[in-house]
N, C-alpha and C. Protein backbone atom coordinates (compact mmCIF):
# COMPACT_ATOMS: atom_id res chain seq x y z
N MET A 1 0.85 -1.19 0.00
CA MET A 1 0.00 0.00 0.00
C MET A 1 0.88 1.23 0.00
N SER A 2 0.67 2.12 0.89
CA SER A 2 1.36 3.39 1.02
C SER A 2 1.28 4.18 -0.29
N TYR A 3 1.80 5.37 -0.25
CA TYR A 3 1.76 6.24 -1.41
C TYR A 3 3.12 6.89 -1.53
N ALA A 4 3.82 6.60 -2.61
CA ALA A 4 5.16 7.14 -2.85
C ALA A 4 6.06 6.93 -1.62
N HIS A 5 6.05 5.72 -1.09
CA HIS A 5 6.87 5.31 0.06
C HIS A 5 6.55 6.08 1.33
N THR A 6 5.35 6.60 1.44
CA THR A 6 4.90 7.29 2.65
C THR A 6 3.67 6.56 3.17
N GLU A 7 3.65 6.30 4.49
CA GLU A 7 2.49 5.62 5.08
C GLU A 7 1.26 6.53 4.97
N VAL A 8 0.15 5.93 4.58
CA VAL A 8 -1.13 6.63 4.58
C VAL A 8 -1.95 6.03 5.72
N ALA A 9 -2.37 6.89 6.64
CA ALA A 9 -3.15 6.44 7.79
C ALA A 9 -4.45 7.25 7.86
N GLN A 10 -5.49 6.59 8.32
CA GLN A 10 -6.77 7.26 8.53
C GLN A 10 -7.01 7.34 10.03
N ILE A 11 -7.67 8.40 10.46
CA ILE A 11 -8.03 8.54 11.87
C ILE A 11 -9.44 9.10 11.96
N ALA A 12 -10.27 8.46 12.79
CA ALA A 12 -11.65 8.89 12.94
C ALA A 12 -12.21 8.36 14.26
N ALA A 13 -13.26 9.00 14.71
CA ALA A 13 -14.05 8.50 15.84
C ALA A 13 -15.39 8.08 15.26
N ILE A 14 -15.80 6.85 15.56
CA ILE A 14 -17.04 6.33 14.97
C ILE A 14 -17.95 5.74 16.05
N SER A 15 -19.24 5.86 15.83
CA SER A 15 -20.22 5.27 16.75
C SER A 15 -20.38 3.78 16.44
N SER A 16 -21.17 3.11 17.23
CA SER A 16 -21.43 1.68 17.01
C SER A 16 -22.03 1.42 15.63
N ASN A 17 -22.80 2.38 15.11
CA ASN A 17 -23.37 2.23 13.77
C ASN A 17 -22.57 3.01 12.72
N ARG A 18 -21.28 3.25 13.00
CA ARG A 18 -20.28 3.82 12.09
C ARG A 18 -20.48 5.30 11.79
N CYS A 19 -21.33 6.00 12.54
CA CYS A 19 -21.56 7.42 12.31
C CYS A 19 -20.30 8.21 12.69
N ILE A 20 -19.93 9.18 11.83
CA ILE A 20 -18.80 10.07 12.12
C ILE A 20 -19.23 11.53 12.15
N GLY A 21 -20.45 11.82 11.71
CA GLY A 21 -20.87 13.21 11.68
C GLY A 21 -22.37 13.40 11.64
N LYS A 22 -22.76 14.57 12.14
CA LYS A 22 -24.17 14.95 12.14
C LYS A 22 -24.22 16.46 11.97
N ASN A 23 -24.88 16.93 10.93
CA ASN A 23 -24.97 18.37 10.64
C ASN A 23 -23.58 19.00 10.54
N ASN A 24 -22.65 18.29 9.90
CA ASN A 24 -21.27 18.73 9.68
C ASN A 24 -20.52 19.03 10.98
N GLU A 25 -20.83 18.25 12.02
CA GLU A 25 -20.12 18.33 13.29
C GLU A 25 -19.91 16.92 13.82
N LEU A 26 -18.95 16.80 14.76
CA LEU A 26 -18.81 15.52 15.45
C LEU A 26 -20.07 15.33 16.30
N PRO A 27 -20.57 14.09 16.41
CA PRO A 27 -21.80 13.88 17.18
C PRO A 27 -21.56 13.88 18.70
N TRP A 28 -20.33 14.11 19.15
CA TRP A 28 -19.99 14.10 20.58
C TRP A 28 -18.78 14.98 20.80
N HIS A 29 -18.49 15.25 22.05
CA HIS A 29 -17.26 15.97 22.41
C HIS A 29 -16.58 15.14 23.50
N ILE A 30 -15.51 14.47 23.13
CA ILE A 30 -14.74 13.65 24.07
C ILE A 30 -13.31 14.20 24.07
N SER A 31 -12.95 14.87 25.15
CA SER A 31 -11.63 15.53 25.23
C SER A 31 -10.48 14.57 24.96
N ALA A 32 -10.54 13.37 25.53
CA ALA A 32 -9.45 12.40 25.36
C ALA A 32 -9.30 12.00 23.89
N ASP A 33 -10.40 11.95 23.16
CA ASP A 33 -10.33 11.61 21.73
C ASP A 33 -9.70 12.76 20.94
N LEU A 34 -10.04 13.99 21.27
CA LEU A 34 -9.45 15.14 20.59
C LEU A 34 -7.94 15.21 20.87
N GLN A 35 -7.53 14.90 22.10
CA GLN A 35 -6.10 14.86 22.43
C GLN A 35 -5.40 13.73 21.68
N HIS A 36 -6.07 12.59 21.57
CA HIS A 36 -5.53 11.44 20.83
C HIS A 36 -5.32 11.83 19.35
N PHE A 37 -6.30 12.49 18.78
CA PHE A 37 -6.22 12.95 17.38
C PHE A 37 -5.01 13.88 17.21
N LYS A 38 -4.88 14.84 18.11
CA LYS A 38 -3.77 15.79 18.02
C LYS A 38 -2.43 15.08 18.15
N SER A 39 -2.30 14.18 19.11
CA SER A 39 -1.01 13.51 19.31
C SER A 39 -0.67 12.57 18.15
N MET A 40 -1.67 11.97 17.53
CA MET A 40 -1.41 11.08 16.41
C MET A 40 -1.02 11.86 15.15
N THR A 41 -1.66 12.98 14.91
CA THR A 41 -1.44 13.71 13.65
C THR A 41 -0.34 14.76 13.74
N THR A 42 0.28 14.91 14.89
CA THR A 42 1.35 15.88 15.09
C THR A 42 2.59 15.15 15.60
N LYS A 43 3.70 15.33 14.89
CA LYS A 43 4.96 14.73 15.32
C LYS A 43 5.80 15.84 15.95
N GLU A 44 6.17 15.67 17.20
CA GLU A 44 6.97 16.70 17.89
C GLU A 44 8.31 16.88 17.20
N LYS A 45 8.56 18.08 16.71
CA LYS A 45 9.83 18.42 16.06
C LYS A 45 10.23 19.82 16.50
N ASP A 46 11.53 20.09 16.44
CA ASP A 46 12.02 21.41 16.84
C ASP A 46 11.54 22.51 15.90
N SER A 47 11.46 22.19 14.61
CA SER A 47 11.03 23.21 13.66
C SER A 47 10.38 22.55 12.46
N GLY A 48 9.70 23.37 11.67
CA GLY A 48 9.09 22.88 10.45
C GLY A 48 7.73 22.25 10.66
N ILE A 49 7.27 21.60 9.62
CA ILE A 49 5.95 20.98 9.60
C ILE A 49 5.92 19.79 10.56
N GLN A 50 4.89 19.72 11.39
CA GLN A 50 4.78 18.63 12.36
C GLN A 50 3.75 17.58 11.97
N GLY A 51 3.07 17.79 10.86
CA GLY A 51 2.08 16.81 10.41
C GLY A 51 1.43 17.23 9.12
N ILE A 52 0.87 16.26 8.41
CA ILE A 52 0.19 16.51 7.14
C ILE A 52 -1.15 15.79 7.19
N VAL A 53 -2.22 16.54 6.91
CA VAL A 53 -3.56 15.96 6.93
C VAL A 53 -4.26 16.23 5.60
N ILE A 54 -5.08 15.26 5.19
CA ILE A 54 -5.91 15.40 3.99
C ILE A 54 -7.36 15.28 4.42
N MET A 55 -8.18 16.19 3.91
CA MET A 55 -9.60 16.17 4.27
C MET A 55 -10.44 16.71 3.13
N GLY A 56 -11.71 16.42 3.21
CA GLY A 56 -12.66 16.98 2.26
C GLY A 56 -13.08 18.39 2.68
N ARG A 57 -13.76 19.06 1.78
CA ARG A 57 -14.21 20.43 2.01
C ARG A 57 -15.10 20.55 3.24
N LYS A 58 -16.06 19.64 3.40
CA LYS A 58 -16.99 19.73 4.53
C LYS A 58 -16.25 19.56 5.86
N THR A 59 -15.27 18.67 5.89
CA THR A 59 -14.49 18.48 7.12
C THR A 59 -13.73 19.77 7.44
N PHE A 60 -13.12 20.38 6.42
CA PHE A 60 -12.41 21.63 6.62
C PHE A 60 -13.35 22.70 7.16
N GLU A 61 -14.54 22.79 6.59
CA GLU A 61 -15.50 23.79 7.05
C GLU A 61 -16.01 23.49 8.46
N SER A 62 -16.08 22.21 8.82
CA SER A 62 -16.53 21.85 10.18
C SER A 62 -15.51 22.30 11.23
N MET A 63 -14.28 22.56 10.80
CA MET A 63 -13.23 23.04 11.71
C MET A 63 -13.06 24.56 11.61
N GLY A 64 -14.09 25.22 11.14
CA GLY A 64 -14.05 26.68 11.05
C GLY A 64 -13.27 27.20 9.85
N SER A 65 -13.05 26.34 8.84
CA SER A 65 -12.30 26.71 7.63
C SER A 65 -10.91 27.24 7.96
N LYS A 66 -10.29 26.63 8.98
CA LYS A 66 -8.93 27.02 9.37
C LYS A 66 -8.04 25.78 9.38
N PRO A 67 -6.81 25.91 8.85
CA PRO A 67 -5.89 24.77 8.91
C PRO A 67 -5.56 24.43 10.37
N LEU A 68 -5.26 23.17 10.62
CA LEU A 68 -4.90 22.74 11.97
C LEU A 68 -3.52 23.29 12.35
N PRO A 69 -3.34 23.71 13.60
CA PRO A 69 -2.05 24.25 14.02
C PRO A 69 -0.91 23.24 13.82
N ASN A 70 0.24 23.72 13.38
CA ASN A 70 1.47 22.93 13.22
C ASN A 70 1.38 21.83 12.16
N ARG A 71 0.30 21.80 11.40
CA ARG A 71 0.13 20.79 10.36
C ARG A 71 -0.22 21.48 9.05
N VAL A 72 0.11 20.81 7.96
CA VAL A 72 -0.28 21.31 6.64
C VAL A 72 -1.54 20.55 6.23
N SER A 73 -2.54 21.30 5.80
CA SER A 73 -3.82 20.72 5.41
C SER A 73 -3.96 20.70 3.89
N PHE A 74 -4.39 19.57 3.37
CA PHE A 74 -4.77 19.45 1.96
C PHE A 74 -6.28 19.27 1.94
N ILE A 75 -6.98 20.17 1.27
CA ILE A 75 -8.43 20.13 1.21
C ILE A 75 -8.83 19.69 -0.19
N VAL A 76 -9.63 18.63 -0.26
CA VAL A 76 -10.08 18.08 -1.54
C VAL A 76 -11.50 18.59 -1.81
N THR A 77 -11.67 19.26 -2.94
CA THR A 77 -12.98 19.75 -3.32
C THR A 77 -13.07 19.84 -4.83
N THR A 78 -14.28 19.72 -5.35
CA THR A 78 -14.47 19.89 -6.79
C THR A 78 -14.72 21.37 -7.14
N GLN A 79 -14.88 22.22 -6.13
CA GLN A 79 -15.11 23.65 -6.37
C GLN A 79 -13.80 24.30 -6.82
N MET A 80 -13.75 24.72 -8.06
CA MET A 80 -12.52 25.23 -8.64
C MET A 80 -12.03 26.53 -8.02
N ASP A 81 -12.93 27.34 -7.48
CA ASP A 81 -12.52 28.63 -6.90
C ASP A 81 -12.47 28.58 -5.38
N TYR A 82 -12.39 27.38 -4.80
CA TYR A 82 -12.47 27.24 -3.35
C TYR A 82 -11.31 27.95 -2.63
N ALA A 83 -10.10 27.85 -3.15
CA ALA A 83 -8.95 28.52 -2.51
C ALA A 83 -9.18 30.02 -2.44
N GLU A 84 -9.71 30.59 -3.51
CA GLU A 84 -10.01 32.02 -3.52
C GLU A 84 -11.12 32.34 -2.52
N GLN A 85 -12.19 31.52 -2.53
CA GLN A 85 -13.32 31.73 -1.62
C GLN A 85 -12.89 31.81 -0.17
N LYS A 86 -11.98 30.92 0.22
CA LYS A 86 -11.58 30.78 1.62
C LYS A 86 -10.29 31.51 1.96
N GLY A 87 -9.76 32.29 1.03
CA GLY A 87 -8.54 33.05 1.30
C GLY A 87 -7.31 32.18 1.50
N LEU A 88 -7.23 31.08 0.77
CA LEU A 88 -6.13 30.13 0.94
C LEU A 88 -5.04 30.26 -0.13
N VAL A 89 -5.24 31.14 -1.09
CA VAL A 89 -4.24 31.30 -2.15
C VAL A 89 -2.94 31.83 -1.53
N GLY A 90 -1.83 31.14 -1.85
CA GLY A 90 -0.53 31.57 -1.34
C GLY A 90 -0.20 31.11 0.06
N LYS A 91 -1.12 30.41 0.71
CA LYS A 91 -0.86 29.89 2.06
C LYS A 91 0.12 28.73 1.98
N THR A 92 0.95 28.59 3.00
CA THR A 92 1.89 27.45 3.03
C THR A 92 1.43 26.36 4.00
N ASN A 93 0.31 26.61 4.70
CA ASN A 93 -0.20 25.59 5.62
C ASN A 93 -1.53 25.00 5.17
N ALA A 94 -2.00 25.38 3.98
CA ALA A 94 -3.24 24.82 3.44
C ALA A 94 -3.22 24.89 1.92
N TYR A 95 -3.54 23.76 1.31
CA TYR A 95 -3.56 23.67 -0.15
C TYR A 95 -4.88 23.05 -0.59
N VAL A 96 -5.46 23.60 -1.63
CA VAL A 96 -6.70 23.06 -2.18
C VAL A 96 -6.33 22.21 -3.39
N THR A 97 -6.85 20.97 -3.41
CA THR A 97 -6.68 20.09 -4.56
C THR A 97 -8.08 19.68 -5.02
N HIS A 98 -8.14 19.17 -6.25
CA HIS A 98 -9.47 18.87 -6.80
C HIS A 98 -9.71 17.38 -6.94
N ASN A 99 -8.77 16.57 -6.46
CA ASN A 99 -9.00 15.12 -6.38
C ASN A 99 -8.03 14.53 -5.37
N LEU A 100 -8.35 13.34 -4.90
CA LEU A 100 -7.55 12.69 -3.86
C LEU A 100 -6.14 12.37 -4.34
N ASP A 101 -5.99 11.93 -5.60
CA ASP A 101 -4.66 11.60 -6.12
C ASP A 101 -3.71 12.80 -6.05
N ASP A 102 -4.20 13.98 -6.44
CA ASP A 102 -3.36 15.18 -6.36
C ASP A 102 -2.99 15.50 -4.91
N ALA A 103 -3.96 15.35 -4.01
CA ALA A 103 -3.69 15.61 -2.59
C ALA A 103 -2.62 14.66 -2.07
N LEU A 104 -2.75 13.37 -2.40
CA LEU A 104 -1.77 12.38 -1.94
C LEU A 104 -0.40 12.62 -2.54
N THR A 105 -0.34 12.95 -3.83
CA THR A 105 0.95 13.20 -4.50
C THR A 105 1.66 14.39 -3.86
N GLN A 106 0.94 15.49 -3.69
CA GLN A 106 1.55 16.68 -3.09
C GLN A 106 1.91 16.45 -1.63
N ALA A 107 1.04 15.74 -0.90
CA ALA A 107 1.30 15.47 0.52
C ALA A 107 2.52 14.56 0.68
N ALA A 108 2.65 13.55 -0.19
CA ALA A 108 3.80 12.64 -0.11
C ALA A 108 5.09 13.39 -0.41
N SER A 109 5.07 14.26 -1.38
CA SER A 109 6.25 15.06 -1.71
C SER A 109 6.64 15.95 -0.53
N LEU A 110 5.66 16.59 0.06
CA LEU A 110 5.92 17.44 1.22
C LEU A 110 6.42 16.61 2.40
N ALA A 111 5.85 15.43 2.60
CA ALA A 111 6.26 14.55 3.71
C ALA A 111 7.73 14.17 3.58
N HIS A 112 8.17 13.84 2.36
CA HIS A 112 9.57 13.49 2.15
C HIS A 112 10.48 14.65 2.54
N GLY A 113 10.15 15.83 2.08
CA GLY A 113 10.97 17.01 2.38
C GLY A 113 10.98 17.37 3.85
N ALA A 114 9.87 17.10 4.55
CA ALA A 114 9.75 17.44 5.97
C ALA A 114 10.16 16.29 6.89
N HIS A 115 10.60 15.18 6.30
CA HIS A 115 11.00 13.98 7.06
C HIS A 115 9.86 13.47 7.94
N LEU A 116 8.68 13.41 7.36
CA LEU A 116 7.52 12.83 8.04
C LEU A 116 7.20 11.50 7.39
N ASP A 117 6.87 10.50 8.20
CA ASP A 117 6.61 9.15 7.70
C ASP A 117 5.17 8.91 7.30
N THR A 118 4.25 9.75 7.78
CA THR A 118 2.82 9.46 7.64
C THR A 118 2.04 10.66 7.13
N ILE A 119 1.11 10.37 6.22
CA ILE A 119 0.10 11.33 5.78
C ILE A 119 -1.20 10.87 6.44
N TRP A 120 -1.91 11.79 7.08
CA TRP A 120 -3.15 11.45 7.78
C TRP A 120 -4.38 11.86 6.97
N VAL A 121 -5.28 10.92 6.75
CA VAL A 121 -6.57 11.19 6.13
C VAL A 121 -7.55 11.35 7.28
N ILE A 122 -8.22 12.53 7.36
CA ILE A 122 -9.03 12.81 8.54
C ILE A 122 -10.52 13.01 8.24
N GLY A 123 -10.95 12.74 7.02
CA GLY A 123 -12.38 12.79 6.73
C GLY A 123 -12.69 13.66 5.54
N GLY A 124 -13.91 13.65 5.17
CA GLY A 124 -15.05 12.95 5.72
C GLY A 124 -15.31 11.64 5.00
N GLU A 125 -16.58 11.31 4.96
CA GLU A 125 -17.05 10.00 4.49
C GLU A 125 -16.46 9.63 3.12
N ARG A 126 -16.57 10.49 2.15
CA ARG A 126 -16.11 10.15 0.80
C ARG A 126 -14.59 10.04 0.73
N VAL A 127 -13.88 10.95 1.38
CA VAL A 127 -12.42 10.91 1.37
C VAL A 127 -11.92 9.64 2.06
N PHE A 128 -12.54 9.27 3.18
CA PHE A 128 -12.17 8.01 3.85
C PHE A 128 -12.35 6.83 2.89
N SER A 129 -13.50 6.78 2.25
CA SER A 129 -13.82 5.67 1.35
C SER A 129 -12.85 5.62 0.17
N ASP A 130 -12.62 6.76 -0.47
CA ASP A 130 -11.73 6.81 -1.63
C ASP A 130 -10.28 6.49 -1.26
N ALA A 131 -9.86 6.84 -0.05
CA ALA A 131 -8.46 6.64 0.36
C ALA A 131 -8.17 5.23 0.86
N LEU A 132 -9.20 4.42 1.08
CA LEU A 132 -8.96 3.07 1.61
C LEU A 132 -7.98 2.26 0.76
N MET A 133 -8.02 2.44 -0.54
CA MET A 133 -7.14 1.66 -1.41
C MET A 133 -5.66 1.98 -1.20
N TYR A 134 -5.35 3.12 -0.59
CA TYR A 134 -3.96 3.51 -0.33
C TYR A 134 -3.57 3.37 1.15
N THR A 135 -4.55 3.05 2.00
CA THR A 135 -4.36 3.15 3.44
C THR A 135 -3.64 1.94 4.03
N ASP A 136 -2.58 2.24 4.79
CA ASP A 136 -1.79 1.22 5.47
C ASP A 136 -2.30 0.95 6.88
N ARG A 137 -2.77 2.01 7.54
CA ARG A 137 -3.13 1.90 8.96
C ARG A 137 -4.37 2.75 9.21
N ILE A 138 -5.20 2.29 10.13
CA ILE A 138 -6.42 3.01 10.48
C ILE A 138 -6.48 3.10 12.00
N GLU A 139 -6.66 4.31 12.50
CA GLU A 139 -6.81 4.55 13.94
C GLU A 139 -8.25 4.97 14.18
N LEU A 140 -9.03 4.08 14.80
CA LEU A 140 -10.43 4.39 15.07
C LEU A 140 -10.67 4.49 16.57
N THR A 141 -11.41 5.52 16.95
CA THR A 141 -11.94 5.61 18.30
C THR A 141 -13.35 5.07 18.21
N HIS A 142 -13.59 3.93 18.86
CA HIS A 142 -14.93 3.34 18.86
C HIS A 142 -15.70 3.92 20.04
N VAL A 143 -16.74 4.70 19.72
CA VAL A 143 -17.57 5.34 20.74
C VAL A 143 -18.81 4.49 20.93
N ASP A 144 -19.07 4.13 22.18
CA ASP A 144 -20.14 3.18 22.51
C ASP A 144 -21.51 3.87 22.54
N THR A 145 -21.99 4.21 21.35
CA THR A 145 -23.31 4.82 21.22
C THR A 145 -23.79 4.63 19.78
N ASP A 146 -25.10 4.70 19.58
CA ASP A 146 -25.67 4.71 18.23
C ASP A 146 -26.16 6.12 17.95
N ILE A 147 -25.85 6.62 16.77
CA ILE A 147 -26.32 7.95 16.36
C ILE A 147 -27.35 7.70 15.25
N THR A 148 -28.60 7.72 15.61
CA THR A 148 -29.65 7.35 14.65
C THR A 148 -29.90 8.41 13.60
N ASP A 149 -29.59 9.68 13.92
CA ASP A 149 -29.86 10.75 12.96
C ASP A 149 -28.58 11.33 12.35
N GLY A 150 -27.51 10.54 12.34
CA GLY A 150 -26.26 10.98 11.73
C GLY A 150 -26.39 11.08 10.22
N ASP A 151 -25.48 11.84 9.59
CA ASP A 151 -25.55 11.96 8.13
C ASP A 151 -24.20 11.70 7.44
N ALA A 152 -23.19 11.29 8.20
CA ALA A 152 -21.90 10.91 7.61
C ALA A 152 -21.42 9.66 8.34
N PHE A 153 -20.96 8.68 7.57
CA PHE A 153 -20.60 7.38 8.15
C PHE A 153 -19.24 6.91 7.64
N TYR A 154 -18.53 6.20 8.51
CA TYR A 154 -17.24 5.63 8.15
C TYR A 154 -17.50 4.35 7.34
N PRO A 155 -16.70 4.11 6.29
CA PRO A 155 -16.95 2.92 5.46
C PRO A 155 -16.68 1.62 6.23
N GLU A 156 -17.31 0.56 5.77
CA GLU A 156 -17.02 -0.77 6.31
C GLU A 156 -15.58 -1.09 5.98
N LEU A 157 -14.84 -1.64 6.94
CA LEU A 157 -13.45 -1.98 6.68
C LEU A 157 -13.35 -3.26 5.87
N PRO A 158 -12.54 -3.26 4.82
CA PRO A 158 -12.30 -4.49 4.07
C PRO A 158 -11.65 -5.54 5.00
N ALA A 159 -11.86 -6.80 4.68
CA ALA A 159 -11.37 -7.90 5.52
C ALA A 159 -9.85 -7.90 5.67
N ARG A 160 -9.14 -7.22 4.78
CA ARG A 160 -7.67 -7.23 4.87
C ARG A 160 -7.14 -6.48 6.09
N TYR A 161 -7.97 -5.64 6.72
CA TYR A 161 -7.55 -4.90 7.92
C TYR A 161 -7.85 -5.71 9.18
N VAL A 162 -6.85 -5.84 10.02
CA VAL A 162 -7.02 -6.58 11.28
C VAL A 162 -6.59 -5.68 12.44
N VAL A 163 -7.17 -5.95 13.60
CA VAL A 163 -6.83 -5.20 14.81
C VAL A 163 -5.42 -5.58 15.24
N THR A 164 -4.55 -4.58 15.41
CA THR A 164 -3.19 -4.84 15.88
C THR A 164 -2.93 -4.25 17.26
N ASP A 165 -3.81 -3.36 17.71
CA ASP A 165 -3.65 -2.77 19.04
C ASP A 165 -5.00 -2.22 19.47
N GLU A 166 -5.25 -2.30 20.78
CA GLU A 166 -6.53 -1.84 21.30
C GLU A 166 -6.34 -1.36 22.73
N SER A 167 -6.90 -0.21 23.05
CA SER A 167 -6.80 0.31 24.42
C SER A 167 -7.86 -0.35 25.29
N GLU A 168 -7.73 -0.12 26.58
CA GLU A 168 -8.81 -0.49 27.49
C GLU A 168 -9.99 0.43 27.19
N LYS A 169 -11.18 -0.02 27.58
CA LYS A 169 -12.35 0.85 27.43
C LYS A 169 -12.23 1.98 28.45
N MET A 170 -12.51 3.20 27.99
CA MET A 170 -12.45 4.39 28.86
C MET A 170 -13.82 5.03 28.90
N HIS A 171 -14.00 5.94 29.87
CA HIS A 171 -15.29 6.63 30.01
C HIS A 171 -15.06 8.13 30.10
N ASP A 172 -15.82 8.87 29.31
CA ASP A 172 -15.77 10.32 29.34
C ASP A 172 -16.92 10.82 30.21
N LYS A 173 -16.58 11.46 31.32
CA LYS A 173 -17.60 11.89 32.27
C LYS A 173 -18.53 12.96 31.69
N LYS A 174 -17.95 13.93 30.95
CA LYS A 174 -18.78 15.03 30.42
C LYS A 174 -19.86 14.53 29.47
N SER A 175 -19.48 13.67 28.54
CA SER A 175 -20.45 13.17 27.56
C SER A 175 -21.16 11.91 28.04
N ASP A 176 -20.64 11.30 29.11
CA ASP A 176 -21.13 10.04 29.65
C ASP A 176 -21.07 8.91 28.61
N LEU A 177 -20.01 8.95 27.78
CA LEU A 177 -19.83 7.93 26.75
C LEU A 177 -18.57 7.11 27.03
N SER A 178 -18.66 5.83 26.72
CA SER A 178 -17.49 4.96 26.80
C SER A 178 -16.87 4.85 25.41
N PHE A 179 -15.55 4.64 25.37
CA PHE A 179 -14.86 4.58 24.08
C PHE A 179 -13.55 3.82 24.26
N LYS A 180 -12.98 3.41 23.12
CA LYS A 180 -11.64 2.81 23.13
C LYS A 180 -10.95 3.14 21.82
N PHE A 181 -9.63 3.16 21.86
CA PHE A 181 -8.81 3.41 20.67
C PHE A 181 -8.38 2.08 20.09
N THR A 182 -8.54 1.93 18.77
CA THR A 182 -8.20 0.68 18.10
C THR A 182 -7.36 0.97 16.85
N THR A 183 -6.28 0.21 16.69
CA THR A 183 -5.42 0.33 15.52
C THR A 183 -5.65 -0.86 14.61
N TYR A 184 -5.84 -0.59 13.32
CA TYR A 184 -6.00 -1.64 12.31
C TYR A 184 -4.86 -1.51 11.30
N LYS A 185 -4.32 -2.64 10.91
CA LYS A 185 -3.32 -2.65 9.84
C LYS A 185 -3.68 -3.77 8.86
N ILE A 186 -3.03 -3.74 7.72
CA ILE A 186 -3.29 -4.76 6.72
C ILE A 186 -2.66 -6.08 7.17
N ASN A 187 -3.43 -7.13 7.07
CA ASN A 187 -2.96 -8.46 7.45
C ASN A 187 -1.95 -8.92 6.41
N THR A 188 -0.69 -8.99 6.82
CA THR A 188 0.37 -9.40 5.89
C THR A 188 0.53 -10.91 5.83
N ALA A 189 -0.20 -11.63 6.66
CA ALA A 189 -0.09 -13.09 6.69
C ALA A 189 -0.77 -13.75 5.49
N GLU A 190 -1.66 -12.98 4.85
CA GLU A 190 -2.41 -13.58 3.72
C GLU A 190 -1.57 -13.68 2.48
């Protein structure tokens, strides 16, 4: 798998029924999951880029249309004037691409120059689905709830992905939700 010798990893929090979003927002607020996301997608370095993320337009807008701190964001959209609309022309921390292949190619090139091993795919539904064919590793936070009125869902994992690491079940007092972190990688035994 991988893309131009760079690991492609996906990270998401999903409900029991695979929901990842509702009204272009996360369906919950779990501080430990947000910290987990930040620590996974940011590599501590003295200087330079600390992470690279790829996302769709709706995911970018759900974050206030602002690039994540210390990371370079690649936003995939079919809207040709999106960079102009959002004031991203000439930015060095956010790039607009019009398909996933361009985002992956540019992100892999940037990763090599920045000495980063991983490109993170962070959503949404379509980008996750389209990126599965390139994905080496998947980091899912399994949230113990069903979201019946969700409108964005994580794809079913192909059988080639197996659990390689799993945290203990944890509980978030504020949201009163239980969750665990799970790592999936491609089964190389086949």
